[in-house]
Amino acid sequence: QLHLTMSEKTKLTKSLEIVQNELQEKESEMKRELSEYKDRLLQAEKELQDCLTEADQKNEVEIEACHEKIRSLEHFISSQKLEIERLKSNEEQLNNSLKEANQALGELTKIKVR
């Protein structure tokens, strides 16, 4: 009976060792896989951050280009307003000169008719 019990114990001990070894191998494999997933995750996060940074830089360049275009258009509008004011002033001067010329012509016509 003792011999059978000892033999059974030996078998169980070997089985236990085998199961423990298998569990250790599984644990090692799972740790390795977990490490690989973490590495992939870090790589994906880095690529995402790089893409976001690149997009931000492109947006900043585009925004600055738009601001420059706005400044240019504002300057153009301002110069056009000044030109319009200059032309209005010239038109007023020409109208005044035309009135004076018409008055002078009217007076000359009166003198000629007499």
N, C-alpha and C. Protein backbone atom coordinates (compact mmCIF):
# COMPACT_ATOMS: atom_id res chain seq x y z
N GLN A 1 0.83 -1.19 0.00
CA GLN A 1 0.00 0.00 0.00
C GLN A 1 0.88 1.26 0.00
N LEU A 2 1.91 1.22 0.85
CA LEU A 2 2.83 2.35 0.93
C LEU A 2 3.53 2.54 -0.40
N HIS A 3 3.93 1.43 -0.99
CA HIS A 3 4.62 1.49 -2.27
C HIS A 3 3.70 2.11 -3.35
N LEU A 4 2.44 1.69 -3.37
CA LEU A 4 1.49 2.24 -4.32
C LEU A 4 1.28 3.73 -4.07
N THR A 5 1.17 4.11 -2.85
CA THR A 5 0.97 5.51 -2.49
C THR A 5 2.18 6.34 -2.91
N MET A 6 3.37 5.77 -2.65
CA MET A 6 4.60 6.49 -3.02
C MET A 6 4.70 6.61 -4.55
N SER A 7 4.32 5.56 -5.23
CA SER A 7 4.35 5.56 -6.68
C SER A 7 3.34 6.59 -7.22
N GLU A 8 2.18 6.60 -6.64
CA GLU A 8 1.14 7.58 -7.03
C GLU A 8 1.62 9.01 -6.75
N LYS A 9 2.26 9.18 -5.62
CA LYS A 9 2.79 10.50 -5.25
C LYS A 9 3.83 10.95 -6.29
N THR A 10 4.70 10.03 -6.69
CA THR A 10 5.74 10.34 -7.67
C THR A 10 5.10 10.75 -8.99
N LYS A 11 4.09 9.98 -9.42
CA LYS A 11 3.38 10.30 -10.65
C LYS A 11 2.73 11.68 -10.56
N LEU A 12 2.05 11.91 -9.43
CA LEU A 12 1.38 13.20 -9.25
C LEU A 12 2.40 14.35 -9.21
N THR A 13 3.53 14.10 -8.57
CA THR A 13 4.57 15.12 -8.49
C THR A 13 5.08 15.44 -9.90
N LYS A 14 5.33 14.39 -10.71
CA LYS A 14 5.78 14.60 -12.08
C LYS A 14 4.72 15.34 -12.89
N SER A 15 3.46 14.92 -12.71
CA SER A 15 2.37 15.60 -13.41
C SER A 15 2.31 17.06 -13.00
N LEU A 16 2.44 17.30 -11.73
CA LEU A 16 2.42 18.67 -11.22
C LEU A 16 3.56 19.47 -11.82
N GLU A 17 4.74 18.89 -11.89
CA GLU A 17 5.90 19.58 -12.48
C GLU A 17 5.64 19.89 -13.95
N ILE A 18 5.06 18.93 -14.66
CA ILE A 18 4.76 19.15 -16.07
C ILE A 18 3.77 20.30 -16.22
N VAL A 19 2.70 20.27 -15.40
CA VAL A 19 1.69 21.33 -15.47
C VAL A 19 2.31 22.66 -15.10
N GLN A 20 3.17 22.68 -14.05
CA GLN A 20 3.82 23.93 -13.65
C GLN A 20 4.73 24.45 -14.77
N ASN A 21 5.45 23.54 -15.43
CA ASN A 21 6.32 23.95 -16.54
C ASN A 21 5.49 24.51 -17.69
N GLU A 22 4.38 23.84 -17.99
CA GLU A 22 3.51 24.33 -19.05
C GLU A 22 2.95 25.71 -18.70
N LEU A 23 2.56 25.87 -17.46
CA LEU A 23 2.04 27.17 -17.02
C LEU A 23 3.11 28.25 -17.10
N GLN A 24 4.34 27.90 -16.72
CA GLN A 24 5.43 28.87 -16.81
C GLN A 24 5.69 29.25 -18.27
N GLU A 25 5.65 28.23 -19.16
CA GLU A 25 5.85 28.51 -20.58
C GLU A 25 4.73 29.42 -21.11
N LYS A 26 3.49 29.10 -20.72
CA LYS A 26 2.35 29.93 -21.14
C LYS A 26 2.51 31.36 -20.60
N GLU A 27 2.90 31.46 -19.35
CA GLU A 27 3.08 32.77 -18.74
C GLU A 27 4.17 33.55 -19.48
N SER A 28 5.27 32.88 -19.79
CA SER A 28 6.36 33.54 -20.53
C SER A 28 5.87 33.98 -21.90
N GLU A 29 5.12 33.11 -22.58
CA GLU A 29 4.60 33.44 -23.90
C GLU A 29 3.63 34.62 -23.81
N MET A 30 2.77 34.61 -22.80
CA MET A 30 1.82 35.71 -22.64
C MET A 30 2.54 37.02 -22.33
N LYS A 31 3.59 36.94 -21.50
CA LYS A 31 4.37 38.15 -21.19
C LYS A 31 5.03 38.68 -22.45
N ARG A 32 5.57 37.76 -23.28
CA ARG A 32 6.21 38.17 -24.53
C ARG A 32 5.18 38.83 -25.46
N GLU A 33 4.01 38.21 -25.59
CA GLU A 33 2.97 38.77 -26.44
C GLU A 33 2.51 40.13 -25.91
N LEU A 34 2.35 40.22 -24.59
CA LEU A 34 1.95 41.49 -23.98
C LEU A 34 2.99 42.57 -24.29
N SER A 35 4.25 42.20 -24.18
CA SER A 35 5.31 43.15 -24.47
C SER A 35 5.25 43.60 -25.94
N GLU A 36 5.00 42.64 -26.85
CA GLU A 36 4.87 42.98 -28.26
C GLU A 36 3.69 43.93 -28.49
N TYR A 37 2.55 43.64 -27.84
CA TYR A 37 1.38 44.51 -28.00
C TYR A 37 1.66 45.91 -27.46
N LYS A 38 2.36 45.97 -26.34
CA LYS A 38 2.70 47.28 -25.77
C LYS A 38 3.61 48.05 -26.73
N ASP A 39 4.59 47.34 -27.32
CA ASP A 39 5.49 47.99 -28.28
C ASP A 39 4.70 48.51 -29.49
N ARG A 40 3.77 47.68 -29.99
CA ARG A 40 2.95 48.10 -31.13
C ARG A 40 2.09 49.31 -30.77
N LEU A 41 1.53 49.25 -29.57
CA LEU A 41 0.70 50.38 -29.11
C LEU A 41 1.53 51.66 -29.03
N LEU A 42 2.72 51.56 -28.45
CA LEU A 42 3.59 52.74 -28.36
C LEU A 42 3.95 53.26 -29.75
N GLN A 43 4.23 52.34 -30.67
CA GLN A 43 4.56 52.75 -32.04
C GLN A 43 3.37 53.44 -32.69
N ALA A 44 2.17 52.86 -32.50
CA ALA A 44 0.97 53.47 -33.09
C ALA A 44 0.71 54.85 -32.49
N GLU A 45 0.89 54.97 -31.17
CA GLU A 45 0.71 56.28 -30.52
C GLU A 45 1.72 57.29 -31.05
N LYS A 46 2.96 56.85 -31.24
CA LYS A 46 3.99 57.75 -31.77
C LYS A 46 3.63 58.20 -33.19
N GLU A 47 3.18 57.24 -34.03
CA GLU A 47 2.79 57.59 -35.40
C GLU A 47 1.61 58.55 -35.40
N LEU A 48 0.66 58.31 -34.51
CA LEU A 48 -0.49 59.22 -34.41
C LEU A 48 -0.03 60.61 -34.01
N GLN A 49 0.84 60.69 -33.02
CA GLN A 49 1.33 61.99 -32.55
C GLN A 49 2.10 62.69 -33.67
N ASP A 50 2.90 61.92 -34.41
CA ASP A 50 3.64 62.51 -35.54
C ASP A 50 2.68 63.07 -36.58
N CYS A 51 1.62 62.31 -36.87
CA CYS A 51 0.62 62.77 -37.84
C CYS A 51 -0.08 64.04 -37.35
N LEU A 52 -0.42 64.05 -36.07
CA LEU A 52 -1.08 65.24 -35.51
C LEU A 52 -0.16 66.45 -35.56
N THR A 53 1.10 66.23 -35.23
CA THR A 53 2.08 67.33 -35.27
C THR A 53 2.23 67.86 -36.69
N GLU A 54 2.33 66.93 -37.64
CA GLU A 54 2.46 67.34 -39.04
C GLU A 54 1.22 68.11 -39.51
N ALA A 55 0.04 67.61 -39.12
CA ALA A 55 -1.20 68.29 -39.50
C ALA A 55 -1.26 69.68 -38.87
N ASP A 56 -0.85 69.79 -37.61
CA ASP A 56 -0.82 71.10 -36.94
C ASP A 56 0.10 72.07 -37.68
N GLN A 57 1.27 71.57 -38.07
CA GLN A 57 2.23 72.43 -38.77
C GLN A 57 1.66 72.89 -40.12
N LYS A 58 1.03 71.95 -40.84
CA LYS A 58 0.43 72.33 -42.13
C LYS A 58 -0.67 73.35 -41.92
N ASN A 59 -1.49 73.14 -40.89
CA ASN A 59 -2.56 74.09 -40.60
C ASN A 59 -2.00 75.46 -40.25
N GLU A 60 -0.94 75.49 -39.47
CA GLU A 60 -0.33 76.77 -39.11
C GLU A 60 0.17 77.50 -40.36
N VAL A 61 0.79 76.75 -41.27
CA VAL A 61 1.28 77.36 -42.51
C VAL A 61 0.11 77.91 -43.32
N GLU A 62 -0.96 77.11 -43.43
CA GLU A 62 -2.13 77.55 -44.19
C GLU A 62 -2.79 78.77 -43.53
N ILE A 63 -2.88 78.75 -42.21
CA ILE A 63 -3.48 79.88 -41.49
C ILE A 63 -2.65 81.14 -41.73
N GLU A 64 -1.32 81.01 -41.65
CA GLU A 64 -0.45 82.18 -41.86
C GLU A 64 -0.60 82.68 -43.29
N ALA A 65 -0.72 81.76 -44.25
CA ALA A 65 -0.91 82.17 -45.65
C ALA A 65 -2.23 82.92 -45.80
N CYS A 66 -3.27 82.45 -45.13
CA CYS A 66 -4.57 83.14 -45.18
C CYS A 66 -4.48 84.52 -44.54
N HIS A 67 -3.79 84.60 -43.41
CA HIS A 67 -3.62 85.91 -42.77
C HIS A 67 -2.87 86.87 -43.69
N GLU A 68 -1.84 86.37 -44.36
CA GLU A 68 -1.08 87.21 -45.28
C GLU A 68 -1.97 87.67 -46.44
N LYS A 69 -2.79 86.77 -46.94
CA LYS A 69 -3.69 87.14 -48.03
C LYS A 69 -4.70 88.18 -47.56
N ILE A 70 -5.21 88.02 -46.35
CA ILE A 70 -6.15 89.01 -45.78
C ILE A 70 -5.47 90.37 -45.67
N ARG A 71 -4.23 90.37 -45.15
CA ARG A 71 -3.51 91.65 -45.03
C ARG A 71 -3.31 92.30 -46.40
N SER A 72 -2.98 91.46 -47.37
CA SER A 72 -2.77 91.98 -48.73
C SER A 72 -4.06 92.56 -49.29
N LEU A 73 -5.17 91.84 -49.10
CA LEU A 73 -6.46 92.33 -49.60
C LEU A 73 -6.89 93.60 -48.86
N GLU A 74 -6.64 93.67 -47.56
CA GLU A 74 -6.97 94.88 -46.81
C GLU A 74 -6.18 96.07 -47.33
N HIS A 75 -4.90 95.82 -47.61
CA HIS A 75 -4.06 96.89 -48.16
C HIS A 75 -4.59 97.32 -49.54
N PHE A 76 -4.97 96.35 -50.37
CA PHE A 76 -5.50 96.65 -51.69
C PHE A 76 -6.79 97.46 -51.57
N ILE A 77 -7.68 97.04 -50.67
CA ILE A 77 -8.95 97.76 -50.47
C ILE A 77 -8.68 99.19 -50.00
N SER A 78 -7.76 99.33 -49.09
CA SER A 78 -7.41 100.66 -48.59
C SER A 78 -6.88 101.55 -49.72
N SER A 79 -6.01 100.99 -50.55
CA SER A 79 -5.47 101.79 -51.65
C SER A 79 -6.57 102.12 -52.67
N GLN A 80 -7.51 101.20 -52.89
CA GLN A 80 -8.62 101.46 -53.81
C GLN A 80 -9.53 102.56 -53.26
N LYS A 81 -9.76 102.56 -51.94
CA LYS A 81 -10.58 103.61 -51.33
C LYS A 81 -9.91 104.97 -51.52
N LEU A 82 -8.59 104.99 -51.32
CA LEU A 82 -7.87 106.25 -51.53
C LEU A 82 -7.98 106.70 -52.99
N GLU A 83 -7.87 105.76 -53.91
CA GLU A 83 -7.98 106.09 -55.34
C GLU A 83 -9.39 106.61 -55.65
N ILE A 84 -10.40 105.99 -55.07
CA ILE A 84 -11.79 106.46 -55.29
C ILE A 84 -11.94 107.88 -54.77
N GLU A 85 -11.40 108.16 -53.59
CA GLU A 85 -11.48 109.52 -53.04
C GLU A 85 -10.75 110.52 -53.94
N ARG A 86 -9.59 110.11 -54.46
CA ARG A 86 -8.84 110.99 -55.36
C ARG A 86 -9.64 111.26 -56.63
N LEU A 87 -10.26 110.20 -57.17
CA LEU A 87 -11.05 110.37 -58.39
C LEU A 87 -12.28 111.24 -58.14
N LYS A 88 -12.92 111.08 -56.97
CA LYS A 88 -14.07 111.93 -56.64
C LYS A 88 -13.65 113.38 -56.56
N SER A 89 -12.50 113.61 -55.94
CA SER A 89 -12.00 114.99 -55.83
C SER A 89 -11.70 115.56 -57.22
N ASN A 90 -11.08 114.76 -58.07
CA ASN A 90 -10.81 115.21 -59.45
C ASN A 90 -12.11 115.49 -60.19
N GLU A 91 -13.10 114.62 -60.00
CA GLU A 91 -14.39 114.80 -60.67
C GLU A 91 -15.02 116.12 -60.21
N GLU A 92 -14.93 116.37 -58.91
CA GLU A 92 -15.51 117.62 -58.38
C GLU A 92 -14.79 118.83 -58.98
N GLN A 93 -13.47 118.75 -59.06
CA GLN A 93 -12.71 119.85 -59.65
C GLN A 93 -13.07 120.04 -61.12
N LEU A 94 -13.20 118.93 -61.84
CA LEU A 94 -13.57 119.02 -63.26
C LEU A 94 -14.96 119.60 -63.43
N ASN A 95 -15.90 119.18 -62.56
CA ASN A 95 -17.26 119.72 -62.63
C ASN A 95 -17.25 121.23 -62.37
N ASN A 96 -16.46 121.63 -61.38
CA ASN A 96 -16.36 123.07 -61.09
C ASN A 96 -15.76 123.82 -62.28
N SER A 97 -14.70 123.23 -62.87
CA SER A 97 -14.08 123.87 -64.04
C SER A 97 -15.07 123.93 -65.20
N LEU A 98 -15.85 122.87 -65.37
CA LEU A 98 -16.85 122.84 -66.44
C LEU A 98 -17.91 123.91 -66.21
N LYS A 99 -18.35 124.06 -64.98
CA LYS A 99 -19.34 125.10 -64.67
C LYS A 99 -18.78 126.48 -65.00
N GLU A 100 -17.53 126.70 -64.58
CA GLU A 100 -16.90 128.00 -64.86
C GLU A 100 -16.78 128.22 -66.37
N ALA A 101 -16.39 127.17 -67.07
CA ALA A 101 -16.24 127.30 -68.52
C ALA A 101 -17.59 127.57 -69.17
N ASN A 102 -18.65 126.91 -68.72
CA ASN A 102 -20.00 127.14 -69.27
C ASN A 102 -20.47 128.56 -68.97
N GLN A 103 -20.16 129.02 -67.73
CA GLN A 103 -20.54 130.40 -67.40
C GLN A 103 -19.80 131.38 -68.31
N ALA A 104 -18.52 131.12 -68.49
CA ALA A 104 -17.72 132.01 -69.35
C ALA A 104 -18.25 131.96 -70.78
N LEU A 105 -18.60 130.76 -71.24
CA LEU A 105 -19.15 130.61 -72.58
C LEU A 105 -20.48 131.35 -72.70
N GLY A 106 -21.29 131.23 -71.64
CA GLY A 106 -22.58 131.94 -71.64
C GLY A 106 -22.36 133.44 -71.72
N GLU A 107 -21.41 133.96 -70.97
CA GLU A 107 -21.13 135.38 -70.99
C GLU A 107 -20.59 135.80 -72.35
N LEU A 108 -19.71 135.00 -72.92
CA LEU A 108 -19.16 135.32 -74.24
C LEU A 108 -20.26 135.30 -75.30
N THR A 109 -21.18 134.34 -75.13
CA THR A 109 -22.30 134.25 -76.09
C THR A 109 -23.16 135.51 -75.98
N LYS A 110 -23.40 135.99 -74.76
CA LYS A 110 -24.20 137.20 -74.55
C LYS A 110 -23.50 138.40 -75.18
N ILE A 111 -22.17 138.43 -74.97
CA ILE A 111 -21.42 139.57 -75.52
C ILE A 111 -21.46 139.54 -77.04
N LYS A 112 -21.34 138.35 -77.62
CA LYS A 112 -21.33 138.20 -79.07
C LYS A 112 -22.68 138.57 -79.66
N VAL A 113 -23.76 138.23 -78.97
CA VAL A 113 -25.11 138.50 -79.46
C VAL A 113 -25.34 140.00 -79.46
N ARG A 114 -24.78 140.76 -78.62
CA ARG A 114 -25.03 142.20 -78.52
C ARG A 114 -24.48 142.91 -79.65
